[in-house]
PDB file of N, CA and C in Angstrom:
ATOM      1  N   UNK A   1      59.960 -14.724   1.771  1.00  0.00           N
ATOM      2  CA  UNK A   1      59.573 -13.466   1.628  1.00  0.00           C
ATOM      3  C   UNK A   1      58.308 -12.899   0.904  1.00  0.00           C
ATOM      4  N   UNK A   2      58.686 -13.116  -0.397  1.00  0.00           N
ATOM      5  CA  UNK A   2      57.308 -12.561  -1.594  1.00  0.00           C
ATOM      6  C   UNK A   2      55.940 -13.650  -1.628  1.00  0.00           C
ATOM      7  N   UNK A   3      56.423 -14.766  -0.943  1.00  0.00           N
ATOM      8  CA  UNK A   3      55.343 -15.630  -0.833  1.00  0.00           C
ATOM      9  C   UNK A   3      54.537 -15.575   0.741  1.00  0.00           C
ATOM     10  N   UNK A   4      55.070 -14.979   1.091  1.00  0.00           N
ATOM     11  CA  UNK A   4      54.358 -14.363   2.631  1.00  0.00           C
ATOM     12  C   UNK A   4      53.463 -13.059   2.332  1.00  0.00           C
ATOM     13  N   UNK A   5      54.202 -11.936   1.714  1.00  0.00           N
ATOM     14  CA  UNK A   5      53.554 -10.651   0.907  1.00  0.00           C
ATOM     15  C   UNK A   5      52.428 -11.255   0.664  1.00  0.00           C
ATOM     16  N   UNK A   6      52.480 -11.900  -0.911  1.00  0.00           N
ATOM     17  CA  UNK A   6      51.172 -12.947  -1.312  1.00  0.00           C
ATOM     18  C   UNK A   6      49.992 -13.265  -0.344  1.00  0.00           C
ATOM     19  N   UNK A   7      50.740 -14.174   0.064  1.00  0.00           N
ATOM     20  CA  UNK A   7      49.553 -14.605   1.617  1.00  0.00           C
ATOM     21  C   UNK A   7      48.689 -13.541   1.876  1.00  0.00           C
ATOM     22  N   UNK A   8      49.688 -13.083   2.285  1.00  0.00           N
ATOM     23  CA  UNK A   8      48.898 -11.405   3.082  1.00  0.00           C
ATOM     24  C   UNK A   8      47.843 -10.602   2.651  1.00  0.00           C
ATOM     25  N   UNK A   9      48.638 -10.632   1.123  1.00  0.00           N
ATOM     26  CA  UNK A   9      47.710 -10.024  -0.187  1.00  0.00           C
ATOM     27  C   UNK A   9      46.250 -10.838  -0.007  1.00  0.00           C
ATOM     28  N   UNK A  10      46.460 -11.672  -0.210  1.00  0.00           N
ATOM     29  CA  UNK A  10      44.899 -13.156  -0.895  1.00  0.00           C
ATOM     30  C   UNK A  10      44.620 -12.544   0.456  1.00  0.00           C
ATOM     31  N   UNK A  11      44.586 -12.579   1.912  1.00  0.00           N
ATOM     32  CA  UNK A  11      43.852 -12.722   3.007  1.00  0.00           C
ATOM     33  C   UNK A  11      43.422 -11.743   3.295  1.00  0.00           C
ATOM     34  N   UNK A  12      43.925 -10.394   2.945  1.00  0.00           N
ATOM     35  CA  UNK A  12      43.480  -9.365   3.133  1.00  0.00           C
ATOM     36  C   UNK A  12      42.340  -8.946   2.309  1.00  0.00           C
ATOM     37  N   UNK A  13      42.388  -9.391   0.958  1.00  0.00           N
ATOM     38  CA  UNK A  13      41.306  -9.203  -0.619  1.00  0.00           C
ATOM     39  C   UNK A  13      40.239 -10.064   0.031  1.00  0.00           C
ATOM     40  N   UNK A  14      40.445 -11.080   1.334  1.00  0.00           N
ATOM     41  CA  UNK A  14      39.666 -12.085   1.331  1.00  0.00           C
ATOM     42  C   UNK A  14      38.613 -11.165   2.584  1.00  0.00           C
ATOM     43  N   UNK A  15      38.956 -10.928   3.003  1.00  0.00           N
ATOM     44  CA  UNK A  15      38.181  -9.723   4.024  1.00  0.00           C
ATOM     45  C   UNK A  15      38.054  -9.263   3.826  1.00  0.00           C
ATOM     46  N   UNK A  16      37.931  -8.095   3.246  1.00  0.00           N
ATOM     47  CA  UNK A  16      37.428  -7.095   2.343  1.00  0.00           C
ATOM     48  C   UNK A  16      36.494  -7.640   1.486  1.00  0.00           C
ATOM     49  N   UNK A  17      36.526  -9.018   1.003  1.00  0.00           N
ATOM     50  CA  UNK A  17      35.269  -9.424   0.202  1.00  0.00           C
ATOM     51  C   UNK A  17      34.220  -9.477   1.312  1.00  0.00           C
ATOM     52  N   UNK A  18      34.633 -10.601   2.628  1.00  0.00           N
ATOM     53  CA  UNK A  18      33.306 -10.486   3.517  1.00  0.00           C
ATOM     54  C   UNK A  18      33.331  -9.857   3.925  1.00  0.00           C
ATOM     55  N   UNK A  19      33.437  -8.999   4.482  1.00  0.00           N
ATOM     56  CA  UNK A  19      32.872  -7.442   4.573  1.00  0.00           C
ATOM     57  C   UNK A  19      31.930  -7.089   4.128  1.00  0.00           C
ATOM     58  N   UNK A  20      32.273  -6.824   2.516  1.00  0.00           N
ATOM     59  CA  UNK A  20      31.391  -6.122   1.509  1.00  0.00           C
ATOM     60  C   UNK A  20      30.151  -7.377   1.387  1.00  0.00           C
ATOM     61  N   UNK A  21      30.303  -8.752   1.445  1.00  0.00           N
ATOM     62  CA  UNK A  21      28.984  -9.659   1.903  1.00  0.00           C
ATOM     63  C   UNK A  21      28.220  -9.437   3.114  1.00  0.00           C
ATOM     64  N   UNK A  22      28.727  -9.024   3.796  1.00  0.00           N
ATOM     65  CA  UNK A  22      28.388  -8.710   5.232  1.00  0.00           C
ATOM     66  C   UNK A  22      27.573  -7.824   5.238  1.00  0.00           C
ATOM     67  N   UNK A  23      28.089  -6.918   4.859  1.00  0.00           N
ATOM     68  CA  UNK A  23      27.156  -5.140   4.172  1.00  0.00           C
ATOM     69  C   UNK A  23      26.071  -5.617   3.513  1.00  0.00           C
ATOM     70  N   UNK A  24      26.150  -6.559   2.039  1.00  0.00           N
ATOM     71  CA  UNK A  24      24.922  -6.809   1.112  1.00  0.00           C
ATOM     72  C   UNK A  24      24.027  -7.282   2.472  1.00  0.00           C
ATOM     73  N   UNK A  25      24.713  -8.663   3.620  1.00  0.00           N
ATOM     74  CA  UNK A  25      23.594  -9.463   3.827  1.00  0.00           C
ATOM     75  C   UNK A  25      23.023  -8.485   5.392  1.00  0.00           C
ATOM     76  N   UNK A  26      23.631  -7.275   5.574  1.00  0.00           N
ATOM     77  CA  UNK A  26      23.129  -6.587   6.690  1.00  0.00           C
ATOM     78  C   UNK A  26      22.305  -6.006   6.037  1.00  0.00           C
ATOM     79  N   UNK A  27      22.357  -5.558   4.794  1.00  0.00           N
ATOM     80  CA  UNK A  27      21.099  -4.396   4.323  1.00  0.00           C
ATOM     81  C   UNK A  27      20.336  -5.234   3.587  1.00  0.00           C
ATOM     82  N   UNK A  28      19.832  -6.823   3.399  1.00  0.00           N
ATOM     83  CA  UNK A  28      18.892  -7.419   3.295  1.00  0.00           C
ATOM     84  C   UNK A  28      18.120  -7.322   4.391  1.00  0.00           C
ATOM     85  N   UNK A  29      18.752  -7.967   5.407  1.00  0.00           N
ATOM     86  CA  UNK A  29      18.451  -8.140   6.593  1.00  0.00           C
ATOM     87  C   UNK A  29      17.178  -6.955   6.915  1.00  0.00           C
ATOM     88  N   UNK A  30      17.850  -5.623   6.616  1.00  0.00           N
ATOM     89  CA  UNK A  30      16.889  -4.798   6.959  1.00  0.00           C
ATOM     90  C   UNK A  30      15.725  -4.401   6.251  1.00  0.00           C
ATOM     91  N   UNK A  31      15.942  -4.816   4.889  1.00  0.00           N
ATOM     92  CA  UNK A  31      14.731  -4.832   4.331  1.00  0.00           C
ATOM     93  C   UNK A  31      13.477  -6.042   4.622  1.00  0.00           C
ATOM     94  N   UNK A  32      14.429  -6.942   4.804  1.00  0.00           N
ATOM     95  CA  UNK A  32      12.915  -8.124   5.291  1.00  0.00           C
ATOM     96  C   UNK A  32      12.436  -7.656   6.624  1.00  0.00           C
ATOM     97  N   UNK A  33      13.556  -6.856   7.682  1.00  0.00           N
ATOM     98  CA  UNK A  33      12.656  -6.820   8.594  1.00  0.00           C
ATOM     99  C   UNK A  33      11.407  -5.466   8.577  1.00  0.00           C
ATOM    100  N   UNK A  34      12.049  -4.678   7.636  1.00  0.00           N
ATOM    101  CA  UNK A  34      11.095  -3.586   7.676  1.00  0.00           C
ATOM    102  C   UNK A  34       9.636  -4.174   6.626  1.00  0.00           C
ATOM    103  N   UNK A  35       9.894  -5.077   5.677  1.00  0.00           N
ATOM    104  CA  UNK A  35       8.968  -5.686   5.237  1.00  0.00           C
ATOM    105  C   UNK A  35       7.733  -6.604   6.163  1.00  0.00           C
ATOM    106  N   UNK A  36       8.651  -7.048   7.055  1.00  0.00           N
ATOM    107  CA  UNK A  36       7.788  -7.871   8.316  1.00  0.00           C
ATOM    108  C   UNK A  36       7.127  -7.004   9.075  1.00  0.00           C
ATOM    109  N   UNK A  37       7.605  -5.862   9.323  1.00  0.00           N
ATOM    110  CA  UNK A  37       7.528  -4.784   9.964  1.00  0.00           C
ATOM    111  C   UNK A  37       5.913  -4.352   9.457  1.00  0.00           C
ATOM    112  N   UNK A  38       5.651  -3.835   7.753  1.00  0.00           N
ATOM    113  CA  UNK A  38       4.778  -3.609   7.364  1.00  0.00           C
ATOM    114  C   UNK A  38       3.463  -4.755   7.378  1.00  0.00           C
ATOM    115  N   UNK A  39       4.102  -5.642   6.885  1.00  0.00           N
ATOM    116  CA  UNK A  39       3.095  -7.073   7.460  1.00  0.00           C
ATOM    117  C   UNK A  39       2.321  -7.018   8.800  1.00  0.00           C
ATOM    118  N   UNK A  40       3.256  -6.548   9.600  1.00  0.00           N
ATOM    119  CA  UNK A  40       2.371  -7.100  11.238  1.00  0.00           C
ATOM    120  C   UNK A  40       1.504  -5.664  11.477  1.00  0.00           C
ATOM    121  N   UNK A  41       1.373  -4.444  10.573  1.00  0.00           N
ATOM    122  CA  UNK A  41       0.704  -3.738  10.044  1.00  0.00           C
ATOM    123  C   UNK A  41      -0.390  -3.856   9.840  1.00  0.00           C
ATOM    124  N   UNK A  42      -0.699  -5.119   8.947  1.00  0.00           N
ATOM    125  CA  UNK A  42      -1.252  -4.944   8.274  1.00  0.00           C
ATOM    126  C   UNK A  42      -2.912  -5.649   8.932  1.00  0.00           C
ATOM    127  N   UNK A  43      -4.099  -4.338   8.322  1.00  0.00           N
ATOM    128  CA  UNK A  43      -5.619  -4.838   9.037  1.00  0.00           C
ATOM    129  C   UNK A  43      -6.125  -4.843   8.373  1.00  0.00           C
ATOM    130  N   UNK A  44      -7.538  -4.880   8.713  1.00  0.00           N
ATOM    131  CA  UNK A  44      -8.643  -4.626   8.075  1.00  0.00           C
ATOM    132  C   UNK A  44      -9.828  -4.554   8.680  1.00  0.00           C
ATOM    133  N   UNK A  45     -11.044  -3.803   8.250  1.00  0.00           N
ATOM    134  CA  UNK A  45     -12.353  -3.498   8.769  1.00  0.00           C
ATOM    135  C   UNK A  45     -13.551  -4.236   8.448  1.00  0.00           C
ATOM    136  N   UNK A  46     -13.974  -4.971   9.396  1.00  0.00           N
ATOM    137  CA  UNK A  46     -15.082  -5.596   9.009  1.00  0.00           C
ATOM    138  C   UNK A  46     -16.055  -4.384   8.988  1.00  0.00           C
ATOM    139  N   UNK A  47     -17.075  -4.105   8.273  1.00  0.00           N
ATOM    140  CA  UNK A  47     -17.903  -2.914   8.406  1.00  0.00           C
ATOM    141  C   UNK A  47     -19.394  -3.223   8.267  1.00  0.00           C
ATOM    142  N   UNK A  48     -20.172  -3.768   9.455  1.00  0.00           N
ATOM    143  CA  UNK A  48     -20.971  -4.084   9.646  1.00  0.00           C
ATOM    144  C   UNK A  48     -22.348  -3.040   9.242  1.00  0.00           C
ATOM    145  N   UNK A  49     -23.121  -3.943   8.336  1.00  0.00           N
ATOM    146  CA  UNK A  49     -24.386  -3.112   8.030  1.00  0.00           C
ATOM    147  C   UNK A  49     -25.660  -4.249   8.077  1.00  0.00           C
ATOM    148  N   UNK A  50     -26.647  -3.433   8.992  1.00  0.00           N
ATOM    149  CA  UNK A  50     -27.684  -4.353   9.415  1.00  0.00           C
ATOM    150  C   UNK A  50     -28.909  -4.281   8.279  1.00  0.00           C
ATOM    151  N   UNK A  51     -28.782  -2.781   7.487  1.00  0.00           N
ATOM    152  CA  UNK A  51     -29.919  -3.032   6.625  1.00  0.00           C
ATOM    153  C   UNK A  51     -28.945  -4.107   5.058  1.00  0.00           C
ATOM    154  N   UNK A  52     -30.144  -3.913   3.391  1.00  0.00           N
ATOM    155  CA  UNK A  52     -30.053  -4.295   2.462  1.00  0.00           C
ATOM    156  C   UNK A  52     -28.458  -4.756   2.322  1.00  0.00           C
ATOM    157  N   UNK A  53     -27.607  -5.240   1.796  1.00  0.00           N
ATOM    158  CA  UNK A  53     -26.104  -5.276   0.972  1.00  0.00           C
ATOM    159  C   UNK A  53     -25.743  -5.999   1.812  1.00  0.00           C
ATOM    160  N   UNK A  54     -25.073  -6.284   3.076  1.00  0.00           N
ATOM    161  CA  UNK A  54     -24.713  -7.065   3.729  1.00  0.00           C
ATOM    162  C   UNK A  54     -23.435  -6.148   4.419  1.00  0.00           C
ATOM    163  N   UNK A  55     -22.544  -6.989   4.645  1.00  0.00           N
ATOM    164  CA  UNK A  55     -20.948  -6.541   5.365  1.00  0.00           C
ATOM    165  C   UNK A  55     -20.372  -6.031   4.421  1.00  0.00           C
ATOM    166  N   UNK A  56     -19.297  -5.149   4.504  1.00  0.00           N
ATOM    167  CA  UNK A  56     -18.167  -5.492   3.729  1.00  0.00           C
ATOM    168  C   UNK A  56     -16.576  -5.324   4.246  1.00  0.00           C
ATOM    169  N   UNK A  57     -15.484  -5.274   4.065  1.00  0.00           N
ATOM    170  CA  UNK A  57     -14.363  -5.482   4.653  1.00  0.00           C
ATOM    171  C   UNK A  57     -13.728  -5.096   3.659  1.00  0.00           C
ATOM    172  N   UNK A  58     -12.769  -3.719   4.690  1.00  0.00           N
ATOM    173  CA  UNK A  58     -11.932  -3.141   3.683  1.00  0.00           C
ATOM    174  C   UNK A  58     -10.988  -3.116   4.612  1.00  0.00           C
ATOM    175  N   UNK A  59      -9.930  -3.086   3.698  1.00  0.00           N
ATOM    176  CA  UNK A  59      -8.204  -3.926   3.826  1.00  0.00           C
ATOM    177  C   UNK A  59      -7.551  -2.276   3.984  1.00  0.00           C
ATOM    178  N   UNK A  60      -6.896  -2.053   4.847  1.00  0.00           N
ATOM    179  CA  UNK A  60      -5.965  -0.975   5.247  1.00  0.00           C
ATOM    180  C   UNK A  60      -4.911  -1.210   4.467  1.00  0.00           C
ATOM    181  N   UNK A  61      -4.225  -0.254   3.848  1.00  0.00           N
ATOM    182  CA  UNK A  61      -2.775  -0.411   3.489  1.00  0.00           C
ATOM    183  C   UNK A  61      -1.135  -0.247   4.420  1.00  0.00           C
ATOM    184  N   UNK A  62      -1.248  -0.958   4.647  1.00  0.00           N
ATOM    185  CA  UNK A  62       0.124  -0.373   5.499  1.00  0.00           C
ATOM    186  C   UNK A  62       1.072   0.620   5.394  1.00  0.00           C
ATOM    187  N   UNK A  63       1.278   0.324   3.844  1.00  0.00           N
ATOM    188  CA  UNK A  63       2.809   1.786   3.842  1.00  0.00           C
ATOM    189  C   UNK A  63       1.427   3.035   3.014  1.00  0.00           C
ATOM    190  N   UNK A  64       0.694   3.005   3.011  1.00  0.00           N
ATOM    191  CA  UNK A  64       0.031   4.342   2.801  1.00  0.00           C
ATOM    192  C   UNK A  64      -0.573   5.224   3.973  1.00  0.00           C
ATOM    193  N   UNK A  65      -0.903   6.181   3.356  1.00  0.00           N
ATOM    194  CA  UNK A  65      -0.343   7.600   4.375  1.00  0.00           C
ATOM    195  C   UNK A  65      -2.288   7.015   4.804  1.00  0.00           C
ATOM    196  N   UNK A  66      -2.887   8.465   5.696  1.00  0.00           N
ATOM    197  CA  UNK A  66      -4.133   8.224   6.467  1.00  0.00           C
ATOM    198  C   UNK A  66      -5.265   8.434   5.920  1.00  0.00           C
ATOM    199  N   UNK A  67      -4.824   9.363   4.921  1.00  0.00           N
ATOM    200  CA  UNK A  67      -5.193  10.203   3.864  1.00  0.00           C
ATOM    201  C   UNK A  67      -5.913   9.106   2.735  1.00  0.00           C
ATOM    202  N   UNK A  68      -4.980   8.498   1.888  1.00  0.00           N
ATOM    203  CA  UNK A  68      -4.503   7.424   1.109  1.00  0.00           C
ATOM    204  C   UNK A  68      -5.504   6.375   1.833  1.00  0.00           C
ATOM    205  N   UNK A  69      -5.680   5.873   2.898  1.00  0.00           N
ATOM    206  CA  UNK A  69      -6.424   4.894   3.092  1.00  0.00           C
ATOM    207  C   UNK A  69      -7.966   5.376   3.605  1.00  0.00           C
ATOM    208  N   UNK A  70      -8.110   6.310   3.954  1.00  0.00           N
ATOM    209  CA  UNK A  70      -9.115   7.197   3.941  1.00  0.00           C
ATOM    210  C   UNK A  70     -10.126   7.194   2.117  1.00  0.00           C
ATOM    211  N   UNK A  71      -9.179   7.503   1.474  1.00  0.00           N
ATOM    212  CA  UNK A  71      -9.847   7.659   0.200  1.00  0.00           C
ATOM    213  C   UNK A  71     -10.083   5.627  -0.371  1.00  0.00           C
ATOM    214  N   UNK A  72      -9.191   5.182   0.020  1.00  0.00           N
ATOM    215  CA  UNK A  72      -9.692   3.615  -0.215  1.00  0.00           C
ATOM    216  C   UNK A  72     -10.859   3.496   0.218  1.00  0.00           C
ATOM    217  N   UNK A  73     -11.057   3.744   1.273  1.00  0.00           N
ATOM    218  CA  UNK A  73     -12.299   3.425   2.443  1.00  0.00           C
ATOM    219  C   UNK A  73     -13.480   4.206   2.134  1.00  0.00           C
ATOM    220  N   UNK A  74     -13.605   5.504   1.525  1.00  0.00           N
ATOM    221  CA  UNK A  74     -14.522   5.880   0.523  1.00  0.00           C
ATOM    222  C   UNK A  74     -15.160   5.308  -0.476  1.00  0.00           C
ATOM    223  N   UNK A  75     -13.948   5.228  -1.377  1.00  0.00           N
ATOM    224  CA  UNK A  75     -14.354   4.935  -2.732  1.00  0.00           C
ATOM    225  C   UNK A  75     -15.327   3.010  -2.658  1.00  0.00           C
ATOM    226  N   UNK A  76     -14.422   2.204  -1.468  1.00  0.00           N
ATOM    227  CA  UNK A  76     -15.301   1.190  -1.053  1.00  0.00           C
ATOM    228  C   UNK A  76     -16.664   1.305  -0.630  1.00  0.00           C
ATOM    229  N   UNK A  77     -16.731   2.688   0.154  1.00  0.00           N
ATOM    230  CA  UNK A  77     -18.090   2.384   0.761  1.00  0.00           C
ATOM    231  C   UNK A  77     -18.756   3.067  -0.313  1.00  0.00           C
ATOM    232  N   UNK A  78     -18.423   3.834  -0.960  1.00  0.00           N
ATOM    233  CA  UNK A  78     -19.045   4.532  -2.839  1.00  0.00           C
ATOM    234  C   UNK A  78     -19.933   2.954  -3.495  1.00  0.00           C
ATOM    235  N   UNK A  79     -18.892   2.270  -3.661  1.00  0.00           N
ATOM    236  CA  UNK A  79     -19.400   1.524  -4.386  1.00  0.00           C
ATOM    237  C   UNK A  79     -20.326   0.300  -3.587  1.00  0.00           C
ATOM    238  N   UNK A  80     -20.253   0.051  -2.281  1.00  0.00           N
ATOM    239  CA  UNK A  80     -21.134  -0.481  -1.745  1.00  0.00           C
ATOM    240  C   UNK A  80     -22.729  -0.619  -1.978  1.00  0.00           C
ATOM    241  N   UNK A  81     -22.523   1.449  -1.444  1.00  0.00           N
ATOM    242  CA  UNK A  81     -23.479   2.010  -1.270  1.00  0.00           C
ATOM    243  C   UNK A  81     -24.877   1.809  -3.135  1.00  0.00           C
ATOM    244  N   UNK A  82     -23.209   1.821  -4.035  1.00  0.00           N
ATOM    245  CA  UNK A  82     -24.092   2.279  -5.298  1.00  0.00           C
ATOM    246  C   UNK A  82     -24.503   0.846  -5.490  1.00  0.00           C
ATOM    247  N   UNK A  83     -24.219   0.064  -4.862  1.00  0.00           N
ATOM    248  CA  UNK A  83     -24.775  -1.232  -5.522  1.00  0.00           C
ATOM    249  C   UNK A  83     -25.924  -1.836  -4.401  1.00  0.00           C
ATOM    250  N   UNK A  84     -26.475  -0.951  -3.315  1.00  0.00           N
ATOM    251  CA  UNK A  84     -27.714  -1.848  -2.864  1.00  0.00           C
ATOM    252  C   UNK A  84     -27.550  -1.917  -1.544  1.00  0.00           C
ATOM    253  N   UNK A  85     -26.097  -0.878  -1.126  1.00  0.00           N
ATOM    254  CA  UNK A  85     -25.919  -1.176   0.648  1.00  0.00           C
ATOM    255  C   UNK A  85     -26.314  -0.113   1.127  1.00  0.00           C
ATOM    256  N   UNK A  86     -26.524  -0.199   2.433  1.00  0.00           N
ATOM    257  CA  UNK A  86     -26.874   1.019   3.449  1.00  0.00           C
ATOM    258  C   UNK A  86     -25.602   0.854   4.526  1.00  0.00           C
ATOM    259  N   UNK A  87     -24.967   2.419   3.988  1.00  0.00           N
ATOM    260  CA  UNK A  87     -24.010   2.871   5.591  1.00  0.00           C
ATOM    261  C   UNK A  87     -24.639   2.625   6.797  1.00  0.00           C
ATOM    262  N   UNK A  88     -24.150   2.242   7.677  1.00  0.00           N
ATOM    263  CA  UNK A  88     -24.983   2.558   9.031  1.00  0.00           C
ATOM    264  C   UNK A  88     -24.726   3.912   9.769  1.00  0.00           C
ATOM    265  N   UNK A  89     -25.921   4.157  10.637  1.00  0.00           N
ATOM    266  CA  UNK A  89     -26.243   5.464  10.871  1.00  0.00           C
ATOM    267  C   UNK A  89     -25.016   6.102  11.513  1.00  0.00           C
ATOM    268  N   UNK A  90     -24.015   5.725  12.040  1.00  0.00           N
ATOM    269  CA  UNK A  90     -22.592   5.734  13.055  1.00  0.00           C
ATOM    270  C   UNK A  90     -21.516   5.781  12.015  1.00  0.00           C
ATOM    271  N   UNK A  91     -21.503   5.453  10.421  1.00  0.00           N
ATOM    272  CA  UNK A  91     -20.738   5.810  10.008  1.00  0.00           C
ATOM    273  C   UNK A  91     -19.647   6.607   9.747  1.00  0.00           C
ATOM    274  N   UNK A  92     -18.363   6.770   9.633  1.00  0.00           N
ATOM    275  CA  UNK A  92     -17.939   8.197  10.328  1.00  0.00           C
ATOM    276  C   UNK A  92     -18.082   9.232   8.614  1.00  0.00           C
ATOM    277  N   UNK A  93     -18.417  10.452   8.997  1.00  0.00           N
ATOM    278  CA  UNK A  93     -18.673  11.485   8.812  1.00  0.00           C
ATOM    279  C   UNK A  93     -17.748  12.389   7.574  1.00  0.00           C
ATOM    280  N   UNK A  94     -16.518  12.002   8.392  1.00  0.00           N
ATOM    281  CA  UNK A  94     -15.418  12.403   7.653  1.00  0.00           C
ATOM    282  C   UNK A  94     -15.047  11.368   6.550  1.00  0.00           C
ATOM    283  N   UNK A  95     -15.484  10.376   6.278  1.00  0.00           N
ATOM    284  CA  UNK A  95     -15.434   9.180   5.072  1.00  0.00           C
ATOM    285  C   UNK A  95     -16.636   9.727   4.140  1.00  0.00           C
ATOM    286  N   UNK A  96     -18.059   9.779   4.967  1.00  0.00           N
ATOM    287  CA  UNK A  96     -18.680  10.410   4.192  1.00  0.00           C
ATOM    288  C   UNK A  96     -18.715  11.465   3.008  1.00  0.00           C
ATOM    289  N   UNK A  97     -18.420  12.651   4.117  1.00  0.00           N
ATOM    290  CA  UNK A  97     -17.972  13.588   3.544  1.00  0.00           C
ATOM    291  C   UNK A  97     -16.794  13.601   1.906  1.00  0.00           C
ATOM    292  N   UNK A  98     -16.214  12.440   2.341  1.00  0.00           N
ATOM    293  CA  UNK A  98     -14.798  12.025   0.722  1.00  0.00           C
ATOM    294  C   UNK A  98     -15.858  11.323  -0.240  1.00  0.00           C
ATOM    295  N   UNK A  99     -16.920  10.370   0.008  1.00  0.00           N
ATOM    296  CA  UNK A  99     -17.977   9.686  -0.764  1.00  0.00           C
ATOM    297  C   UNK A  99     -18.721  10.745  -1.320  1.00  0.00           C
ATOM    298  N   UNK A 100     -19.238  11.959  -0.496  1.00  0.00           N
ATOM    299  CA  UNK A 100     -19.840  12.950  -1.287  1.00  0.00           C
ATOM    300  C   UNK A 100     -18.451  13.790  -2.600  1.00  0.00           C
ATOM    301  N   UNK A 101     -17.528  14.177  -1.906  1.00  0.00           N
ATOM    302  CA  UNK A 101     -16.673  14.419  -2.771  1.00  0.00           C
ATOM    303  C   UNK A 101     -16.489  13.717  -4.021  1.00  0.00           C
ATOM    304  N   UNK A 102     -16.220  12.612  -3.813  1.00  0.00           N
ATOM    305  CA  UNK A 102     -15.851  11.605  -4.945  1.00  0.00           C
ATOM    306  C   UNK A 102     -17.040  11.517  -6.106  1.00  0.00           C
ATOM    307  N   UNK A 103     -18.260  11.298  -5.835  1.00  0.00           N
ATOM    308  CA  UNK A 103     -19.649  11.335  -6.229  1.00  0.00           C
ATOM    309  C   UNK A 103     -19.496  12.609  -6.977  1.00  0.00           C
ATOM    310  N   UNK A 104     -19.226  14.291  -6.044  1.00  0.00           N
ATOM    311  CA  UNK A 104     -19.317  15.009  -7.262  1.00  0.00           C
ATOM    312  C   UNK A 104     -18.364  15.284  -8.486  1.00  0.00           C
ATOM    313  N   UNK A 105     -17.595  14.739  -8.451  1.00  0.00           N
ATOM    314  CA  UNK A 105     -16.087  14.641  -9.334  1.00  0.00           C
ATOM    315  C   UNK A 105     -16.717  13.944 -10.279  1.00  0.00           C
ATOM    316  N   UNK A 106     -17.185  12.721 -10.196  1.00  0.00           N
ATOM    317  CA  UNK A 106     -17.677  11.378 -10.991  1.00  0.00           C
ATOM    318  C   UNK A 106     -19.015  12.194 -11.943  1.00  0.00           C
ATOM    319  N   UNK A 107     -19.638  12.859 -11.208  1.00  0.00           N
ATOM    320  CA  UNK A 107     -20.830  13.550 -11.693  1.00  0.00           C
ATOM    321  C   UNK A 107     -20.344  14.603 -12.801  1.00  0.00           C
ATOM    322  N   UNK A 108     -19.279  15.676 -12.711  1.00  0.00           N
ATOM    323  CA  UNK A 108     -18.668  16.428 -13.224  1.00  0.00           C
ATOM    324  C   UNK A 108     -17.685  15.716 -14.408  1.00  0.00           C
ATOM    325  N   UNK A 109     -17.301  14.822 -13.910  1.00  0.00           N
ATOM    326  CA  UNK A 109     -16.381  14.298 -15.407  1.00  0.00           C
ATOM    327  C   UNK A 109     -17.274  13.791 -16.533  1.00  0.00           C
ATOM    328  N   UNK A 110     -16.281  14.431 -17.932  1.00  0.00           N
ATOM    329  CA  UNK A 110     -16.841  14.257 -18.728  1.00  0.00           C
ATOM    330  C   UNK A 110     -15.517  13.247 -19.351  1.00  0.00           C
ATOM    331  N   UNK A 111     -16.273  12.511 -20.582  1.00  0.00           N
ATOM    332  CA  UNK A 111     -15.275  11.820 -21.195  1.00  0.00           C
ATOM    333  C   UNK A 111     -14.446  12.666 -22.497  1.00  0.00           C
ATOM    334  N   UNK A 112     -13.256  12.740 -22.846  1.00  0.00           N
ATOM    335  CA  UNK A 112     -12.469  13.581 -23.896  1.00  0.00           C
ATOM    336  C   UNK A 112     -13.424  13.240 -24.887  1.00  0.00           C
ATOM    337  N   UNK A 113     -13.242  14.390 -25.803  1.00  0.00           N
ATOM    338  CA  UNK A 113     -13.645  14.781 -27.107  1.00  0.00           C
ATOM    339  C   UNK A 113     -12.810  13.575 -28.308  1.00  0.00           C
ATOM    340  N   UNK A 114     -13.442  12.953 -29.244  1.00  0.00           N
ATOM    341  CA  UNK A 114     -12.488  11.943 -29.917  1.00  0.00           C
ATOM    342  C   UNK A 114     -11.576  12.684 -30.743  1.00  0.00           C
ATOM    343  N   UNK A 115     -10.552  12.159 -30.786  1.00  0.00           N
ATOM    344  CA  UNK A 115      -9.213  13.046 -31.461  1.00  0.00           C
ATOM    345  C   UNK A 115      -9.319  12.562 -33.300  1.00  0.00           C
ATOM    346  N   UNK A 116     -10.559  12.101 -33.519  1.00  0.00           N
ATOM    347  CA  UNK A 116     -10.618  11.720 -35.145  1.00  0.00           C
ATOM    348  C   UNK A 116     -10.758  10.525 -35.294  1.00  0.00           C
ATOM    349  N   UNK A 117     -11.020   9.784 -36.102  1.00  0.00           N
ATOM    350  CA  UNK A 117     -11.302   8.685 -36.735  1.00  0.00           C
ATOM    351  C   UNK A 117     -10.050   7.348 -36.890  1.00  0.00           C
ATOM    352  N   UNK A 118     -10.448   6.517 -36.325  1.00  0.00           N
ATOM    353  CA  UNK A 118      -9.814   4.958 -36.273  1.00  0.00           C
ATOM    354  C   UNK A 118      -9.511   4.252 -37.581  1.00  0.00           C
ATOM    355  N   UNK A 119      -8.503   4.543 -38.508  1.00  0.00           N
ATOM    356  CA  UNK A 119      -8.840   3.588 -39.733  1.00  0.00           C
ATOM    357  C   UNK A 119      -8.174   2.365 -39.647  1.00  0.00           C
TER     358      UNK A 119
END
């Protein structure tokens, strides 16, 4: 009888171990599925400019908020303009306003005062 109880105990431990492993695998599968969903949403914009500077491509961040993606686009467009590119007339007024806001912030920035001399 003791041998049977020992075998039942071992079987119960094995079942418990398998259930734990199943839970871990299900959690990993959820993470993989989530990552695949993010990759499936990855997208980009090819902004065509008829003027000097050519086109530029903006890659959207699927994990970011719409505002964060707008800020990324505004910064890329600002760099494009600062390097000689010309944005199309029909370019988003909202993004153009963000570009102007970034420019104002950049113009108002002052380097920090020196903290002493390095020896």
